[in-house]
Amino acid sequence: MTVWIAVAVTALGCYLVKLLGLSVPAGLLDRPFVRRMAALVPVAMLAALTAIQTFGSGQALVVDARAAGLAAAAVALLLRAPFLVVVAVAVAVTAAVRALTG
């Protein structure tokens, strides 16, 4: 029963956040600063998530095969490779480093 209460509270919270977003006045959304922030926040959040997933392990910072995969993906992006190629390069390099080190 406790799980269903948590699900209901979460669903209600999501609905209220959506409602809050719809109730923001249009004049506020048309300001240049708000537009700029709305464009930059998703990029910053994705970068933070990538950094945490790459260099985090519990409460510690680590540099392992994931960092090599991220570096390889960055090089592929600099070479303007398609997205699927970037992902494949990152996977291949990460797997190769893991195979060589462990």
C-alpha atoms as a PDB file:
ATOM      1  CA  MET A   1       0.000   0.000   0.000  1.00  0.00           C
ATOM      2  CA  THR A   2       2.868   2.388   0.749  1.00  0.00           C
ATOM      3  CA  VAL A   3       4.187   2.020  -2.809  1.00  0.00           C
ATOM      4  CA  TRP A   4       0.834   3.105  -4.233  1.00  0.00           C
ATOM      5  CA  ILE A   5       0.779   6.145  -1.991  1.00  0.00           C
ATOM      6  CA  ALA A   6       4.240   7.072  -3.259  1.00  0.00           C
ATOM      7  CA  VAL A   7       3.099   6.579  -6.860  1.00  0.00           C
ATOM      8  CA  ALA A   8       0.012   8.742  -6.294  1.00  0.00           C
ATOM      9  CA  VAL A   9       1.992  11.513  -4.576  1.00  0.00           C
ATOM     10  CA  THR A  10       4.579  11.469  -7.374  1.00  0.00           C
ATOM     11  CA  ALA A  11       1.875  11.617 -10.055  1.00  0.00           C
ATOM     12  CA  LEU A  12       0.206  14.532  -8.273  1.00  0.00           C
ATOM     13  CA  GLY A  13       3.546  16.307  -7.952  1.00  0.00           C
ATOM     14  CA  CYS A  14       4.251  15.871 -11.669  1.00  0.00           C
ATOM     15  CA  TYR A  15       0.810  17.223 -12.533  1.00  0.00           C
ATOM     16  CA  LEU A  16       1.328  20.258 -10.285  1.00  0.00           C
ATOM     17  CA  VAL A  17       4.728  20.994 -11.850  1.00  0.00           C
ATOM     18  CA  LYS A  18       3.156  20.843 -15.316  1.00  0.00           C
ATOM     19  CA  LEU A  19       0.340  23.107 -14.154  1.00  0.00           C
ATOM     20  CA  LEU A  20       2.837  25.552 -12.703  1.00  0.00           C
ATOM     21  CA  GLY A  21       4.679  25.662 -16.031  1.00  0.00           C
ATOM     22  CA  LEU A  22       1.454  26.407 -17.893  1.00  0.00           C
ATOM     23  CA  SER A  23       0.514  29.190 -15.489  1.00  0.00           C
ATOM     24  CA  VAL A  24       3.668  31.251 -16.132  1.00  0.00           C
ATOM     25  CA  PRO A  25       2.700  34.509 -17.889  1.00  0.00           C
ATOM     26  CA  ALA A  26       3.679  34.717 -21.554  1.00  0.00           C
ATOM     27  CA  GLY A  27       5.357  38.087 -20.964  1.00  0.00           C
ATOM     28  CA  LEU A  28       7.836  36.477 -18.615  1.00  0.00           C
ATOM     29  CA  LEU A  29       8.737  33.799 -21.157  1.00  0.00           C
ATOM     30  CA  ASP A  30       9.402  36.375 -23.888  1.00  0.00           C
ATOM     31  CA  ARG A  31      12.282  38.029 -22.024  1.00  0.00           C
ATOM     32  CA  PRO A  32      15.704  37.457 -23.659  1.00  0.00           C
ATOM     33  CA  PHE A  33      17.323  36.310 -20.406  1.00  0.00           C
ATOM     34  CA  VAL A  34      14.645  33.662 -19.831  1.00  0.00           C
ATOM     35  CA  ARG A  35      14.939  32.434 -23.417  1.00  0.00           C
ATOM     36  CA  ARG A  36      18.722  32.186 -23.089  1.00  0.00           C
ATOM     37  CA  MET A  37      18.466  30.286 -19.810  1.00  0.00           C
ATOM     38  CA  ALA A  38      15.814  27.958 -21.216  1.00  0.00           C
ATOM     39  CA  ALA A  39      18.204  27.092 -24.045  1.00  0.00           C
ATOM     40  CA  LEU A  40      21.255  26.590 -21.807  1.00  0.00           C
ATOM     41  CA  VAL A  41      19.822  24.705 -18.820  1.00  0.00           C
ATOM     42  CA  PRO A  42      19.240  21.384 -20.660  1.00  0.00           C
ATOM     43  CA  VAL A  43      22.802  21.442 -22.004  1.00  0.00           C
ATOM     44  CA  ALA A  44      24.216  22.114 -18.527  1.00  0.00           C
ATOM     45  CA  MET A  45      22.093  19.359 -16.983  1.00  0.00           C
ATOM     46  CA  LEU A  46      23.193  16.841 -19.620  1.00  0.00           C
ATOM     47  CA  ALA A  47      26.849  17.809 -19.135  1.00  0.00           C
ATOM     48  CA  ALA A  48      26.521  17.400 -15.362  1.00  0.00           C
ATOM     49  CA  LEU A  49      24.843  14.014 -15.748  1.00  0.00           C
ATOM     50  CA  THR A  50      27.565  12.878 -18.139  1.00  0.00           C
ATOM     51  CA  ALA A  51      30.304  13.985 -15.726  1.00  0.00           C
ATOM     52  CA  ILE A  52      28.674  12.244 -12.767  1.00  0.00           C
ATOM     53  CA  GLN A  53      28.124   9.008 -14.681  1.00  0.00           C
ATOM     54  CA  THR A  54      31.658   9.055 -16.105  1.00  0.00           C
ATOM     55  CA  PHE A  55      33.745  10.060 -13.111  1.00  0.00           C
ATOM     56  CA  GLY A  56      31.569   9.081 -10.156  1.00  0.00           C
ATOM     57  CA  SER A  57      31.614   5.839  -8.229  1.00  0.00           C
ATOM     58  CA  GLY A  58      29.614   6.068  -5.014  1.00  0.00           C
ATOM     59  CA  GLN A  59      31.173   8.900  -3.026  1.00  0.00           C
ATOM     60  CA  ALA A  60      34.500   8.837  -4.902  1.00  0.00           C
ATOM     61  CA  LEU A  61      35.837  10.266  -8.132  1.00  0.00           C
ATOM     62  CA  VAL A  62      37.420   7.695 -10.438  1.00  0.00           C
ATOM     63  CA  VAL A  63      39.136   7.741 -13.798  1.00  0.00           C
ATOM     64  CA  ASP A  64      38.628   4.416 -15.530  1.00  0.00           C
ATOM     65  CA  ALA A  65      37.558   2.996 -18.884  1.00  0.00           C
ATOM     66  CA  ARG A  66      34.498   5.246 -18.941  1.00  0.00           C
ATOM     67  CA  ALA A  67      36.755   8.305 -19.166  1.00  0.00           C
ATOM     68  CA  ALA A  68      38.566   6.794 -22.158  1.00  0.00           C
ATOM     69  CA  GLY A  69      35.223   6.152 -23.838  1.00  0.00           C
ATOM     70  CA  LEU A  70      34.121   9.730 -23.193  1.00  0.00           C
ATOM     71  CA  ALA A  71      37.399  11.052 -24.619  1.00  0.00           C
ATOM     72  CA  ALA A  72      36.979   8.880 -27.710  1.00  0.00           C
ATOM     73  CA  ALA A  73      33.418  10.142 -28.136  1.00  0.00           C
ATOM     74  CA  ALA A  74      34.650  13.726 -27.865  1.00  0.00           C
ATOM     75  CA  VAL A  75      37.234  13.089 -30.594  1.00  0.00           C
ATOM     76  CA  ALA A  76      34.564  11.512 -32.799  1.00  0.00           C
ATOM     77  CA  LEU A  77      32.360  14.554 -32.260  1.00  0.00           C
ATOM     78  CA  LEU A  78      35.228  16.881 -33.171  1.00  0.00           C
ATOM     79  CA  LEU A  79      35.614  14.889 -36.388  1.00  0.00           C
ATOM     80  CA  ARG A  80      31.883  15.452 -37.018  1.00  0.00           C
ATOM     81  CA  ALA A  81      30.955  11.774 -36.920  1.00  0.00           C
ATOM     82  CA  PRO A  82      27.248  10.843 -36.909  1.00  0.00           C
ATOM     83  CA  PHE A  83      25.670  10.202 -33.506  1.00  0.00           C
ATOM     84  CA  LEU A  84      25.511   6.416 -33.874  1.00  0.00           C
ATOM     85  CA  VAL A  85      29.188   6.333 -34.837  1.00  0.00           C
ATOM     86  CA  VAL A  86      30.044   8.442 -31.777  1.00  0.00           C
ATOM     87  CA  VAL A  87      28.181   6.003 -29.523  1.00  0.00           C
ATOM     88  CA  ALA A  88      29.791   2.988 -31.215  1.00  0.00           C
ATOM     89  CA  VAL A  89      33.279   4.487 -30.839  1.00  0.00           C
ATOM     90  CA  ALA A  90      32.669   5.223 -27.152  1.00  0.00           C
ATOM     91  CA  VAL A  91      31.398   1.698 -26.538  1.00  0.00           C
ATOM     92  CA  ALA A  92      34.275   0.076 -28.430  1.00  0.00           C
ATOM     93  CA  VAL A  93      36.963   2.114 -26.674  1.00  0.00           C
ATOM     94  CA  THR A  94      35.419   1.542 -23.234  1.00  0.00           C
ATOM     95  CA  ALA A  95      35.183  -2.203 -23.880  1.00  0.00           C
ATOM     96  CA  ALA A  96      38.747  -2.367 -25.181  1.00  0.00           C
ATOM     97  CA  VAL A  97      40.162  -0.506 -22.175  1.00  0.00           C
ATOM     98  CA  ARG A  98      38.207  -2.724 -19.786  1.00  0.00           C
ATOM     99  CA  ALA A  99      39.453  -5.839 -21.593  1.00  0.00           C
ATOM    100  CA  LEU A 100      43.060  -4.652 -21.465  1.00  0.00           C
ATOM    101  CA  THR A 101      43.005  -3.582 -17.813  1.00  0.00           C
ATOM    102  CA  GLY A 102      40.936  -6.233 -16.197  1.00  0.00           C
END
